Amino acid sequence: MVSANDIRVKYLKFFKDRGHVEIPSAPLVPENDPSVLFTTAGMHPLVPYLLGQPHSAGKRLVDIQKCLRTDDIDEVGDTIHHTFFEMLGNWSLGDYFKEDAIAWSYEFLTKELNLDPNRIYITCFAGDQDAPKDTESAEIWKSVGIPDERIFFYPKKDNWWGPAGATGPCGPDTEMHYDMTQKPHGPDCKPGCSCGRFSEIWNDVFMQYNKNEKGQFEKLPKPNVDTGMGLERTLAVVNGLDDNYLTELWQPAIQKISQLSGLQYSGNEKPFRIIADHIRAAAFVICDGVTPSNKERGYILRRLIRRATLQLNRLGIKSYVSAAGELVDVFI
């Protein structure tokens, strides 16, 4: 089995060998950025550099960023969604662009992680009044071996990233999806559908625009690359698992919940997943100095704890305070 740390080490080495400098993860609580409550992606601490300010480490960066997202919190409980997660990312600040970013993504997936190239599907931006269709990315994907029939064009809601707040750097993205089951669920089964066949594992964002206060998209003086690979999903895919919670990142907590409840994961997947996910997220949020309250970050933390508590009760675990404490210990 491939471990999470195997992937972390491989990723950092791969991009360091290609001239990238490793930078540390920023905190979950953004520094000097009132536009968002939490760091939801690696781009948050790098916004000034995406807009043109020189970075002390240079133009090529690589990192493993801890992230927290609650916009799809109601999806947590399925096999792939998480509130807290690790995002592996590589960055070009006005240096290389689409051709190198896509080629390296494909090389890492197929050569370093040994994923089957015939099971990789791609999505690109379809274009709209703000920006043209991203045929350039599609052509690059075809040049590395992805055929037309595995390349899809989607609108901005699916294949556009940013800005992180109301304004800032943004642009079209191209996503890599892995065919987990190779079993179509009807004629419209394709990347992005909810049938469980595909898992999105990596996203290359091409920061070409700055959205200004008037809502207009202005071209950046120098385009940038911002990529993000979700560690939890990638670990499952590499190990041939169709459920992220079957990986080593989650199994110790899943086993602890089973011990506390006297129930098995099989047949109780949704509450087990929600408890494990929310307790882990809450632990990391608290580590970054947030305490429960009735507003902003504190409210989100309280909401995570309450949602986990509800599921602990539903599993018959009445001493939920001590149970949550034992689960925090597992993640620590």
C-alpha atoms as a PDB file:
ATOM      1  CA  MET A   1       0.000   0.000   0.000  1.00  0.00           C
ATOM      2  CA  VAL A   2       1.153   3.531  -0.782  1.00  0.00           C
ATOM      3  CA  SER A   3       1.187   5.740   2.325  1.00  0.00           C
ATOM      4  CA  ALA A   4       0.165   9.382   2.577  1.00  0.00           C
ATOM      5  CA  ASN A   5       3.741  10.310   3.365  1.00  0.00           C
ATOM      6  CA  ASP A   6       4.966   8.440   0.280  1.00  0.00           C
ATOM      7  CA  ILE A   7       2.839  10.797  -1.816  1.00  0.00           C
ATOM      8  CA  ARG A   8       3.919  13.893   0.114  1.00  0.00           C
ATOM      9  CA  VAL A   9       7.614  13.042  -0.315  1.00  0.00           C
ATOM     10  CA  LYS A  10       7.244  12.104  -3.999  1.00  0.00           C
ATOM     11  CA  TYR A  11       5.376  15.303  -4.778  1.00  0.00           C
ATOM     12  CA  LEU A  12       7.835  17.640  -3.092  1.00  0.00           C
ATOM     13  CA  LYS A  13      10.847  15.896  -4.642  1.00  0.00           C
ATOM     14  CA  PHE A  14       9.309  15.854  -8.120  1.00  0.00           C
ATOM     15  CA  PHE A  15       8.829  19.608  -8.190  1.00  0.00           C
ATOM     16  CA  LYS A  16      12.048  20.446  -6.351  1.00  0.00           C
ATOM     17  CA  ASP A  17      13.851  18.510  -9.096  1.00  0.00           C
ATOM     18  CA  ARG A  18      12.164  20.911 -11.529  1.00  0.00           C
ATOM     19  CA  GLY A  19      13.407  24.052  -9.856  1.00  0.00           C
ATOM     20  CA  HIS A  20      10.679  24.659  -7.268  1.00  0.00           C
ATOM     21  CA  VAL A  21      11.397  25.849  -3.731  1.00  0.00           C
ATOM     22  CA  GLU A  22       9.382  24.343  -0.882  1.00  0.00           C
ATOM     23  CA  ILE A  23       7.461  26.840   1.253  1.00  0.00           C
ATOM     24  CA  PRO A  24       5.654  26.027   4.525  1.00  0.00           C
ATOM     25  CA  SER A  25       1.910  25.680   4.911  1.00  0.00           C
ATOM     26  CA  ALA A  26       0.170  28.892   5.902  1.00  0.00           C
ATOM     27  CA  PRO A  27      -2.154  28.810   8.951  1.00  0.00           C
ATOM     28  CA  LEU A  28      -5.816  27.874   8.568  1.00  0.00           C
ATOM     29  CA  VAL A  29      -6.675  31.351   9.830  1.00  0.00           C
ATOM     30  CA  PRO A  30      -5.588  33.743   7.043  1.00  0.00           C
ATOM     31  CA  GLU A  31      -3.138  36.436   7.993  1.00  0.00           C
ATOM     32  CA  ASN A  32      -4.105  39.980   6.952  1.00  0.00           C
ATOM     33  CA  ASP A  33      -6.917  38.729   4.698  1.00  0.00           C
ATOM     34  CA  PRO A  34     -10.427  39.694   5.824  1.00  0.00           C
ATOM     35  CA  SER A  35     -12.038  38.369   2.629  1.00  0.00           C
ATOM     36  CA  VAL A  36     -12.291  34.772   3.904  1.00  0.00           C
ATOM     37  CA  LEU A  37     -12.671  33.105   7.309  1.00  0.00           C
ATOM     38  CA  PHE A  38     -10.327  30.207   6.612  1.00  0.00           C
ATOM     39  CA  THR A  39      -7.596  29.257   4.172  1.00  0.00           C
ATOM     40  CA  THR A  40      -9.546  27.270   1.595  1.00  0.00           C
ATOM     41  CA  ALA A  41      -6.695  26.850  -0.897  1.00  0.00           C
ATOM     42  CA  GLY A  42      -2.978  27.410  -1.274  1.00  0.00           C
ATOM     43  CA  MET A  43      -3.580  30.618  -3.211  1.00  0.00           C
ATOM     44  CA  HIS A  44      -4.714  32.666  -0.181  1.00  0.00           C
ATOM     45  CA  PRO A  45      -1.292  33.426   1.280  1.00  0.00           C
ATOM     46  CA  LEU A  46       0.135  33.918  -2.217  1.00  0.00           C
ATOM     47  CA  VAL A  47      -2.363  36.464  -3.585  1.00  0.00           C
ATOM     48  CA  PRO A  48       0.129  39.401  -3.469  1.00  0.00           C
ATOM     49  CA  TYR A  49       2.611  37.348  -5.505  1.00  0.00           C
ATOM     50  CA  LEU A  50      -0.025  36.225  -7.993  1.00  0.00           C
ATOM     51  CA  LEU A  51      -0.697  39.920  -8.572  1.00  0.00           C
ATOM     52  CA  GLY A  52       2.962  40.581  -9.345  1.00  0.00           C
ATOM     53  CA  GLN A  53       4.814  41.173  -6.075  1.00  0.00           C
ATOM     54  CA  PRO A  54       8.174  39.272  -6.087  1.00  0.00           C
ATOM     55  CA  HIS A  55       8.383  36.264  -3.737  1.00  0.00           C
ATOM     56  CA  SER A  56      11.556  35.863  -1.689  1.00  0.00           C
ATOM     57  CA  ALA A  57      11.798  32.180  -2.673  1.00  0.00           C
ATOM     58  CA  GLY A  58      11.604  32.859  -6.406  1.00  0.00           C
ATOM     59  CA  LYS A  59       9.163  32.167  -9.221  1.00  0.00           C
ATOM     60  CA  ARG A  60       8.676  28.413  -8.725  1.00  0.00           C
ATOM     61  CA  LEU A  61       7.159  27.204  -5.467  1.00  0.00           C
ATOM     62  CA  VAL A  62       5.819  23.922  -4.075  1.00  0.00           C
ATOM     63  CA  ASP A  63       3.903  23.347  -0.845  1.00  0.00           C
ATOM     64  CA  ILE A  64       1.525  21.192   1.139  1.00  0.00           C
ATOM     65  CA  GLN A  65      -1.202  23.519   2.387  1.00  0.00           C
ATOM     66  CA  LYS A  66      -3.715  22.681   5.092  1.00  0.00           C
ATOM     67  CA  CYS A  67      -7.182  23.826   4.014  1.00  0.00           C
ATOM     68  CA  LEU A  68     -10.674  24.052   5.420  1.00  0.00           C
ATOM     69  CA  ARG A  69     -13.865  24.414   3.371  1.00  0.00           C
ATOM     70  CA  THR A  70     -17.446  24.462   4.565  1.00  0.00           C
ATOM     71  CA  ASP A  71     -19.281  25.443   1.375  1.00  0.00           C
ATOM     72  CA  ASP A  72     -20.139  21.801   0.722  1.00  0.00           C
ATOM     73  CA  ILE A  73     -20.336  20.638   4.339  1.00  0.00           C
ATOM     74  CA  ASP A  74     -23.635  18.868   3.648  1.00  0.00           C
ATOM     75  CA  GLU A  75     -21.809  16.619   1.181  1.00  0.00           C
ATOM     76  CA  VAL A  76     -19.550  15.298   3.941  1.00  0.00           C
ATOM     77  CA  GLY A  77     -20.644  11.746   4.613  1.00  0.00           C
ATOM     78  CA  ASP A  78     -20.038  10.497   1.082  1.00  0.00           C
ATOM     79  CA  THR A  79     -16.795   8.819   0.006  1.00  0.00           C
ATOM     80  CA  ILE A  80     -14.814  11.861  -1.176  1.00  0.00           C
ATOM     81  CA  HIS A  81     -15.779  15.112   0.577  1.00  0.00           C
ATOM     82  CA  HIS A  82     -13.879  16.523   3.558  1.00  0.00           C
ATOM     83  CA  THR A  83     -14.001  19.711   5.591  1.00  0.00           C
ATOM     84  CA  PHE A  84     -10.285  19.761   6.442  1.00  0.00           C
ATOM     85  CA  PHE A  85      -7.818  18.395   3.915  1.00  0.00           C
ATOM     86  CA  GLU A  86      -4.254  18.681   2.671  1.00  0.00           C
ATOM     87  CA  MET A  87      -3.641  20.289  -0.723  1.00  0.00           C
ATOM     88  CA  LEU A  88      -0.406  19.591  -2.556  1.00  0.00           C
ATOM     89  CA  GLY A  89       0.401  22.478  -4.873  1.00  0.00           C
ATOM     90  CA  ASN A  90       3.001  23.781  -7.294  1.00  0.00           C
ATOM     91  CA  TRP A  91       3.225  27.398  -8.407  1.00  0.00           C
ATOM     92  CA  SER A  92       4.607  29.438 -11.237  1.00  0.00           C
ATOM     93  CA  LEU A  93       4.733  33.172 -10.570  1.00  0.00           C
ATOM     94  CA  GLY A  94       5.039  34.549 -14.076  1.00  0.00           C
ATOM     95  CA  ASP A  95       7.422  31.754 -15.119  1.00  0.00           C
ATOM     96  CA  TYR A  96       6.171  28.567 -16.888  1.00  0.00           C
ATOM     97  CA  PHE A  97       2.553  28.274 -17.947  1.00  0.00           C
ATOM     98  CA  LYS A  98       0.077  25.761 -19.353  1.00  0.00           C
ATOM     99  CA  GLU A  99       2.388  23.530 -21.354  1.00  0.00           C
ATOM    100  CA  ASP A 100       4.789  22.691 -18.516  1.00  0.00           C
ATOM    101  CA  ALA A 101       2.073  22.591 -15.842  1.00  0.00           C
ATOM    102  CA  ILE A 102      -0.032  20.070 -17.759  1.00  0.00           C
ATOM    103  CA  ALA A 103       2.912  17.955 -18.891  1.00  0.00           C
ATOM    104  CA  TRP A 104       4.255  17.713 -15.327  1.00  0.00           C
ATOM    105  CA  SER A 105       0.825  16.894 -13.922  1.00  0.00           C
ATOM    106  CA  TYR A 106       0.442  14.052 -16.391  1.00  0.00           C
ATOM    107  CA  GLU A 107       3.981  12.811 -15.750  1.00  0.00           C
ATOM    108  CA  PHE A 108       3.529  12.804 -11.995  1.00  0.00           C
ATOM    109  CA  LEU A 109       0.221  10.919 -12.162  1.00  0.00           C
ATOM    110  CA  THR A 110       1.360   8.283 -14.655  1.00  0.00           C
ATOM    111  CA  LYS A 111       5.071   7.888 -13.869  1.00  0.00           C
ATOM    112  CA  GLU A 112       5.413   8.722 -10.174  1.00  0.00           C
ATOM    113  CA  LEU A 113       2.037   7.432  -8.954  1.00  0.00           C
ATOM    114  CA  ASN A 114       1.692   4.797 -11.699  1.00  0.00           C
ATOM    115  CA  LEU A 115      -1.935   5.598 -12.429  1.00  0.00           C
ATOM    116  CA  ASP A 116      -3.428   4.087 -15.576  1.00  0.00           C
ATOM    117  CA  PRO A 117      -3.354   6.824 -18.262  1.00  0.00           C
ATOM    118  CA  ASN A 118      -6.400   5.244 -19.900  1.00  0.00           C
ATOM    119  CA  ARG A 119      -8.486   6.052 -16.807  1.00  0.00           C
ATOM    120  CA  ILE A 120      -7.608   9.761 -16.658  1.00  0.00           C
ATOM    121  CA  TYR A 121     -10.327  12.158 -17.839  1.00  0.00           C
ATOM    122  CA  ILE A 122      -9.937  15.906 -18.266  1.00  0.00           C
ATOM    123  CA  THR A 123     -12.229  18.921 -17.968  1.00  0.00           C
ATOM    124  CA  CYS A 124     -11.494  22.398 -19.348  1.00  0.00           C
ATOM    125  CA  PHE A 125     -13.198  25.797 -19.304  1.00  0.00           C
ATOM    126  CA  ALA A 126     -15.953  26.184 -21.927  1.00  0.00           C
ATOM    127  CA  GLY A 127     -15.646  29.957 -22.208  1.00  0.00           C
ATOM    128  CA  ASP A 128     -18.130  32.786 -21.636  1.00  0.00           C
ATOM    129  CA  GLN A 129     -18.421  36.563 -21.905  1.00  0.00           C
ATOM    130  CA  ASP A 130     -15.505  37.035 -19.484  1.00  0.00           C
ATOM    131  CA  ALA A 131     -12.925  34.698 -21.027  1.00  0.00           C
ATOM    132  CA  PRO A 132     -12.577  32.501 -24.143  1.00  0.00           C
ATOM    133  CA  LYS A 133     -12.875  28.729 -24.367  1.00  0.00           C
ATOM    134  CA  ASP A 134      -9.671  27.082 -23.159  1.00  0.00           C
ATOM    135  CA  THR A 135      -8.848  25.120 -26.295  1.00  0.00           C
ATOM    136  CA  GLU A 136      -5.137  25.634 -25.580  1.00  0.00           C
ATOM    137  CA  SER A 137      -5.232  23.370 -22.517  1.00  0.00           C
ATOM    138  CA  ALA A 138      -7.235  20.753 -24.402  1.00  0.00           C
ATOM    139  CA  GLU A 139      -4.666  20.694 -27.209  1.00  0.00           C
ATOM    140  CA  ILE A 140      -1.834  20.254 -24.704  1.00  0.00           C
ATOM    141  CA  TRP A 141      -3.682  17.371 -23.067  1.00  0.00           C
ATOM    142  CA  LYS A 142      -4.089  15.744 -26.473  1.00  0.00           C
ATOM    143  CA  SER A 143      -0.373  16.182 -27.141  1.00  0.00           C
ATOM    144  CA  VAL A 144       0.516  14.161 -24.011  1.00  0.00           C
ATOM    145  CA  GLY A 145      -1.885  11.360 -24.931  1.00  0.00           C
ATOM    146  CA  ILE A 146      -5.418  12.149 -23.700  1.00  0.00           C
ATOM    147  CA  PRO A 147      -7.875  11.557 -26.580  1.00  0.00           C
ATOM    148  CA  ASP A 148     -10.747  13.880 -27.533  1.00  0.00           C
ATOM    149  CA  GLU A 149     -13.379  11.590 -26.054  1.00  0.00           C
ATOM    150  CA  ARG A 150     -11.878  11.969 -22.578  1.00  0.00           C
ATOM    151  CA  ILE A 151     -11.753  15.776 -22.638  1.00  0.00           C
ATOM    152  CA  PHE A 152     -14.857  17.731 -21.572  1.00  0.00           C
ATOM    153  CA  PHE A 153     -15.615  21.453 -21.564  1.00  0.00           C
ATOM    154  CA  TYR A 154     -17.582  22.882 -18.634  1.00  0.00           C
ATOM    155  CA  PRO A 155     -18.788  26.380 -17.657  1.00  0.00           C
ATOM    156  CA  LYS A 156     -17.306  28.737 -15.080  1.00  0.00           C
ATOM    157  CA  LYS A 157     -19.053  27.125 -12.104  1.00  0.00           C
ATOM    158  CA  ASP A 158     -17.114  23.921 -12.807  1.00  0.00           C
ATOM    159  CA  ASN A 159     -13.848  24.969 -14.440  1.00  0.00           C
ATOM    160  CA  TRP A 160     -12.871  28.352 -13.103  1.00  0.00           C
ATOM    161  CA  TRP A 161     -11.026  29.113  -9.881  1.00  0.00           C
ATOM    162  CA  GLY A 162     -11.147  32.272  -7.839  1.00  0.00           C
ATOM    163  CA  PRO A 163     -11.018  34.903  -6.781  1.00  0.00           C
ATOM    164  CA  ALA A 164     -10.700  33.771  -3.177  1.00  0.00           C
ATOM    165  CA  GLY A 165     -12.806  36.742  -2.058  1.00  0.00           C
ATOM    166  CA  ALA A 166     -14.897  39.290  -3.936  1.00  0.00           C
ATOM    167  CA  THR A 167     -11.870  40.474  -5.924  1.00  0.00           C
ATOM    168  CA  GLY A 168      -8.436  39.166  -6.847  1.00  0.00           C
ATOM    169  CA  PRO A 169      -6.564  36.800  -9.174  1.00  0.00           C
ATOM    170  CA  CYS A 170      -8.543  34.086 -10.962  1.00  0.00           C
ATOM    171  CA  GLY A 171      -8.719  32.131 -14.175  1.00  0.00           C
ATOM    172  CA  PRO A 172      -9.739  28.997 -16.042  1.00  0.00           C
ATOM    173  CA  ASP A 173      -8.706  25.640 -14.726  1.00  0.00           C
ATOM    174  CA  THR A 174      -8.283  22.142 -16.048  1.00  0.00           C
ATOM    175  CA  GLU A 175      -9.194  19.241 -13.780  1.00  0.00           C
ATOM    176  CA  MET A 176      -7.945  15.668 -13.735  1.00  0.00           C
ATOM    177  CA  HIS A 177     -10.521  13.013 -12.892  1.00  0.00           C
ATOM    178  CA  TYR A 178      -9.808   9.312 -12.377  1.00  0.00           C
ATOM    179  CA  ASP A 179     -12.233   6.614 -13.478  1.00  0.00           C
ATOM    180  CA  MET A 180     -12.604   4.609 -10.281  1.00  0.00           C
ATOM    181  CA  THR A 181     -15.022   1.909 -11.452  1.00  0.00           C
ATOM    182  CA  GLN A 182     -14.846   1.951 -15.283  1.00  0.00           C
ATOM    183  CA  LYS A 183     -18.591   1.304 -15.189  1.00  0.00           C
ATOM    184  CA  PRO A 184     -20.794   3.960 -16.859  1.00  0.00           C
ATOM    185  CA  HIS A 185     -24.002   4.881 -15.066  1.00  0.00           C
ATOM    186  CA  GLY A 186     -26.101   5.737 -18.094  1.00  0.00           C
ATOM    187  CA  PRO A 187     -25.361   7.687 -21.281  1.00  0.00           C
ATOM    188  CA  ASP A 188     -24.612  10.979 -19.469  1.00  0.00           C
ATOM    189  CA  CYS A 189     -22.038   9.521 -17.079  1.00  0.00           C
ATOM    190  CA  LYS A 190     -19.005  11.808 -17.234  1.00  0.00           C
ATOM    191  CA  PRO A 191     -16.526  13.626 -14.961  1.00  0.00           C
ATOM    192  CA  GLY A 192     -18.325  15.806 -12.460  1.00  0.00           C
ATOM    193  CA  CYS A 193     -21.465  13.676 -12.216  1.00  0.00           C
ATOM    194  CA  SER A 194     -22.519  12.354  -8.822  1.00  0.00           C
ATOM    195  CA  CYS A 195     -22.626   8.627  -9.571  1.00  0.00           C
ATOM    196  CA  GLY A 196     -19.323   7.874  -7.830  1.00  0.00           C
ATOM    197  CA  ARG A 197     -17.516   6.646 -10.922  1.00  0.00           C
ATOM    198  CA  PHE A 198     -15.074   9.567 -11.150  1.00  0.00           C
ATOM    199  CA  SER A 199     -12.867  11.174  -8.524  1.00  0.00           C
ATOM    200  CA  GLU A 200     -11.329  14.606  -9.156  1.00  0.00           C
ATOM    201  CA  ILE A 201      -7.756  14.438  -7.889  1.00  0.00           C
ATOM    202  CA  TRP A 202      -5.896  17.432  -9.324  1.00  0.00           C
ATOM    203  CA  ASN A 203      -6.661  20.887 -10.633  1.00  0.00           C
ATOM    204  CA  ASP A 204      -4.336  23.132 -12.638  1.00  0.00           C
ATOM    205  CA  VAL A 205      -5.468  26.751 -12.388  1.00  0.00           C
ATOM    206  CA  PHE A 206      -4.230  29.301 -14.886  1.00  0.00           C
ATOM    207  CA  MET A 207      -4.344  32.672 -13.173  1.00  0.00           C
ATOM    208  CA  GLN A 208      -4.714  34.972 -16.138  1.00  0.00           C
ATOM    209  CA  TYR A 209      -7.135  37.567 -14.761  1.00  0.00           C
ATOM    210  CA  ASN A 210      -7.763  39.898 -11.865  1.00  0.00           C
ATOM    211  CA  LYS A 211     -11.398  40.495 -10.949  1.00  0.00           C
ATOM    212  CA  ASN A 212     -11.688  44.121  -9.919  1.00  0.00           C
ATOM    213  CA  GLU A 213     -14.178  45.876  -7.641  1.00  0.00           C
ATOM    214  CA  LYS A 214     -16.474  46.548 -10.617  1.00  0.00           C
ATOM    215  CA  GLY A 215     -16.702  42.827 -11.342  1.00  0.00           C
ATOM    216  CA  GLN A 216     -14.587  43.135 -14.467  1.00  0.00           C
ATOM    217  CA  PHE A 217     -11.927  40.599 -15.444  1.00  0.00           C
ATOM    218  CA  GLU A 218      -8.653  42.310 -16.303  1.00  0.00           C
ATOM    219  CA  LYS A 219      -5.717  40.392 -17.743  1.00  0.00           C
ATOM    220  CA  LEU A 220      -2.772  40.052 -15.374  1.00  0.00           C
ATOM    221  CA  PRO A 221       0.567  41.435 -16.597  1.00  0.00           C
ATOM    222  CA  LYS A 222       2.086  37.971 -16.182  1.00  0.00           C
ATOM    223  CA  PRO A 223      -0.045  34.797 -16.032  1.00  0.00           C
ATOM    224  CA  ASN A 224       0.572  32.364 -13.181  1.00  0.00           C
ATOM    225  CA  VAL A 225       0.027  28.688 -12.445  1.00  0.00           C
ATOM    226  CA  ASP A 226      -1.654  27.479  -9.243  1.00  0.00           C
ATOM    227  CA  THR A 227      -2.245  23.749  -8.911  1.00  0.00           C
ATOM    228  CA  GLY A 228      -3.927  21.719  -6.200  1.00  0.00           C
ATOM    229  CA  MET A 229      -3.945  17.962  -5.603  1.00  0.00           C
ATOM    230  CA  GLY A 230      -6.091  16.690  -2.754  1.00  0.00           C
ATOM    231  CA  LEU A 231      -4.035  14.243  -0.703  1.00  0.00           C
ATOM    232  CA  GLU A 232      -7.017  12.333   0.712  1.00  0.00           C
ATOM    233  CA  ARG A 233      -8.565  11.595  -2.673  1.00  0.00           C
ATOM    234  CA  THR A 234      -5.254  10.834  -4.341  1.00  0.00           C
ATOM    235  CA  LEU A 235      -4.276   8.375  -1.609  1.00  0.00           C
ATOM    236  CA  ALA A 236      -7.511   6.446  -2.138  1.00  0.00           C
ATOM    237  CA  VAL A 237      -7.133   6.409  -5.920  1.00  0.00           C
ATOM    238  CA  VAL A 238      -3.505   5.252  -5.842  1.00  0.00           C
ATOM    239  CA  ASN A 239      -4.437   2.376  -3.538  1.00  0.00           C
ATOM    240  CA  GLY A 240      -7.403   1.328  -5.660  1.00  0.00           C
ATOM    241  CA  LEU A 241      -9.991   2.311  -3.049  1.00  0.00           C
ATOM    242  CA  ASP A 242     -13.359   3.857  -3.888  1.00  0.00           C
ATOM    243  CA  ASP A 243     -13.777   5.291  -0.375  1.00  0.00           C
ATOM    244  CA  ASN A 244     -11.311   7.817   1.085  1.00  0.00           C
ATOM    245  CA  TYR A 245     -12.192   6.656   4.601  1.00  0.00           C
ATOM    246  CA  LEU A 246     -10.659   3.242   3.933  1.00  0.00           C
ATOM    247  CA  THR A 247      -7.167   4.799   3.776  1.00  0.00           C
ATOM    248  CA  GLU A 248      -4.641   5.059   6.585  1.00  0.00           C
ATOM    249  CA  LEU A 249      -5.512   8.731   7.121  1.00  0.00           C
ATOM    250  CA  TRP A 250      -8.951   7.758   8.433  1.00  0.00           C
ATOM    251  CA  GLN A 251      -8.909   4.123   9.497  1.00  0.00           C
ATOM    252  CA  PRO A 252      -7.548   4.673  13.041  1.00  0.00           C
ATOM    253  CA  ALA A 253     -10.445   7.065  13.742  1.00  0.00           C
ATOM    254  CA  ILE A 254     -12.972   4.775  12.039  1.00  0.00           C
ATOM    255  CA  GLN A 255     -11.774   1.877  14.203  1.00  0.00           C
ATOM    256  CA  LYS A 256     -11.987   4.040  17.337  1.00  0.00           C
ATOM    257  CA  ILE A 257     -15.610   4.997  16.518  1.00  0.00           C
ATOM    258  CA  SER A 258     -16.395   1.307  16.029  1.00  0.00           C
ATOM    259  CA  GLN A 259     -14.836   0.523  19.407  1.00  0.00           C
ATOM    260  CA  LEU A 260     -16.776   3.301  21.136  1.00  0.00           C
ATOM    261  CA  SER A 261     -20.113   2.469  19.545  1.00  0.00           C
ATOM    262  CA  GLY A 262     -19.925  -1.300  19.253  1.00  0.00           C
ATOM    263  CA  LEU A 263     -20.992  -0.889  15.612  1.00  0.00           C
ATOM    264  CA  GLN A 264     -19.266  -1.679  12.347  1.00  0.00           C
ATOM    265  CA  TYR A 265     -18.338   0.877   9.700  1.00  0.00           C
ATOM    266  CA  SER A 266     -20.155  -1.161   7.064  1.00  0.00           C
ATOM    267  CA  GLY A 267     -23.801  -0.179   7.250  1.00  0.00           C
ATOM    268  CA  ASN A 268     -23.041   2.980   9.254  1.00  0.00           C
ATOM    269  CA  GLU A 269     -20.720   4.711   6.817  1.00  0.00           C
ATOM    270  CA  LYS A 270     -22.304   8.174   6.788  1.00  0.00           C
ATOM    271  CA  PRO A 271     -22.286   8.888  10.559  1.00  0.00           C
ATOM    272  CA  PHE A 272     -18.795   7.364  10.913  1.00  0.00           C
ATOM    273  CA  ARG A 273     -17.484   9.612   8.136  1.00  0.00           C
ATOM    274  CA  ILE A 274     -19.110  12.781   9.469  1.00  0.00           C
ATOM    275  CA  ILE A 275     -17.787  12.189  12.985  1.00  0.00           C
ATOM    276  CA  ALA A 276     -14.250  11.463  11.797  1.00  0.00           C
ATOM    277  CA  ASP A 277     -14.198  14.370   9.368  1.00  0.00           C
ATOM    278  CA  HIS A 278     -15.650  16.982  11.716  1.00  0.00           C
ATOM    279  CA  ILE A 279     -13.565  16.008  14.728  1.00  0.00           C
ATOM    280  CA  ARG A 280     -10.381  16.155  12.654  1.00  0.00           C
ATOM    281  CA  ALA A 281     -11.365  19.542  11.211  1.00  0.00           C
ATOM    282  CA  ALA A 282     -12.251  20.902  14.657  1.00  0.00           C
ATOM    283  CA  ALA A 283      -8.914  19.743  16.078  1.00  0.00           C
ATOM    284  CA  PHE A 284      -6.932  21.578  13.402  1.00  0.00           C
ATOM    285  CA  VAL A 285      -9.053  24.726  13.712  1.00  0.00           C
ATOM    286  CA  ILE A 286      -8.520  24.796  17.490  1.00  0.00           C
ATOM    287  CA  CYS A 287      -4.777  24.267  16.969  1.00  0.00           C
ATOM    288  CA  ASP A 288      -4.759  27.497  14.961  1.00  0.00           C
ATOM    289  CA  GLY A 289      -6.245  29.432  17.870  1.00  0.00           C
ATOM    290  CA  VAL A 290     -10.001  29.416  17.180  1.00  0.00           C
ATOM    291  CA  THR A 291     -12.444  28.785  20.029  1.00  0.00           C
ATOM    292  CA  PRO A 292     -16.181  28.032  19.771  1.00  0.00           C
ATOM    293  CA  SER A 293     -18.458  31.076  19.653  1.00  0.00           C
ATOM    294  CA  ASN A 294     -21.630  32.316  18.006  1.00  0.00           C
ATOM    295  CA  LYS A 295     -20.032  34.178  15.097  1.00  0.00           C
ATOM    296  CA  GLU A 296     -17.599  33.840  12.203  1.00  0.00           C
ATOM    297  CA  ARG A 297     -14.791  31.276  12.701  1.00  0.00           C
ATOM    298  CA  GLY A 298     -15.958  30.370  16.184  1.00  0.00           C
ATOM    299  CA  TYR A 299     -19.435  29.634  14.873  1.00  0.00           C
ATOM    300  CA  ILE A 300     -18.083  27.322  12.180  1.00  0.00           C
ATOM    301  CA  LEU A 301     -16.042  25.473  14.812  1.00  0.00           C
ATOM    302  CA  ARG A 302     -19.101  25.170  17.054  1.00  0.00           C
ATOM    303  CA  ARG A 303     -21.129  23.925  14.102  1.00  0.00           C
ATOM    304  CA  LEU A 304     -18.566  21.204  13.352  1.00  0.00           C
ATOM    305  CA  ILE A 305     -18.591  20.052  16.975  1.00  0.00           C
ATOM    306  CA  ARG A 306     -22.391  20.054  17.131  1.00  0.00           C
ATOM    307  CA  ARG A 307     -22.713  18.077  13.902  1.00  0.00           C
ATOM    308  CA  ALA A 308     -20.209  15.494  15.157  1.00  0.00           C
ATOM    309  CA  THR A 309     -22.020  15.298  18.501  1.00  0.00           C
ATOM    310  CA  LEU A 310     -25.336  14.669  16.773  1.00  0.00           C
ATOM    311  CA  GLN A 311     -23.875  11.707  14.903  1.00  0.00           C
ATOM    312  CA  LEU A 312     -22.195  10.332  18.045  1.00  0.00           C
ATOM    313  CA  ASN A 313     -25.596  10.376  19.729  1.00  0.00           C
ATOM    314  CA  ARG A 314     -27.194   8.656  16.756  1.00  0.00           C
ATOM    315  CA  LEU A 315     -24.668   5.845  17.134  1.00  0.00           C
ATOM    316  CA  GLY A 316     -25.672   5.515  20.775  1.00  0.00           C
ATOM    317  CA  ILE A 317     -22.523   7.139  22.189  1.00  0.00           C
ATOM    318  CA  LYS A 318     -23.922   9.240  25.038  1.00  0.00           C
ATOM    319  CA  SER A 319     -20.589  10.183  26.628  1.00  0.00           C
ATOM    320  CA  TYR A 320     -19.806  12.217  23.539  1.00  0.00           C
ATOM    321  CA  VAL A 321     -17.374  14.612  25.261  1.00  0.00           C
ATOM    322  CA  SER A 322     -14.970  11.856  26.238  1.00  0.00           C
ATOM    323  CA  ALA A 323     -15.556  10.116  22.894  1.00  0.00           C
ATOM    324  CA  ALA A 324     -14.633  13.271  20.986  1.00  0.00           C
ATOM    325  CA  GLY A 325     -11.542  13.615  23.165  1.00  0.00           C
ATOM    326  CA  GLU A 326     -10.428  10.093  22.335  1.00  0.00           C
ATOM    327  CA  LEU A 327     -10.880  10.816  18.636  1.00  0.00           C
ATOM    328  CA  VAL A 328      -8.879  14.031  18.871  1.00  0.00           C
ATOM    329  CA  ASP A 329      -6.082  11.988  20.461  1.00  0.00           C
ATOM    330  CA  VAL A 330      -6.173   9.639  17.468  1.00  0.00           C
ATOM    331  CA  PHE A 331      -5.666  12.504  15.019  1.00  0.00           C
ATOM    332  CA  ILE A 332      -2.977  14.157  17.128  1.00  0.00           C
END
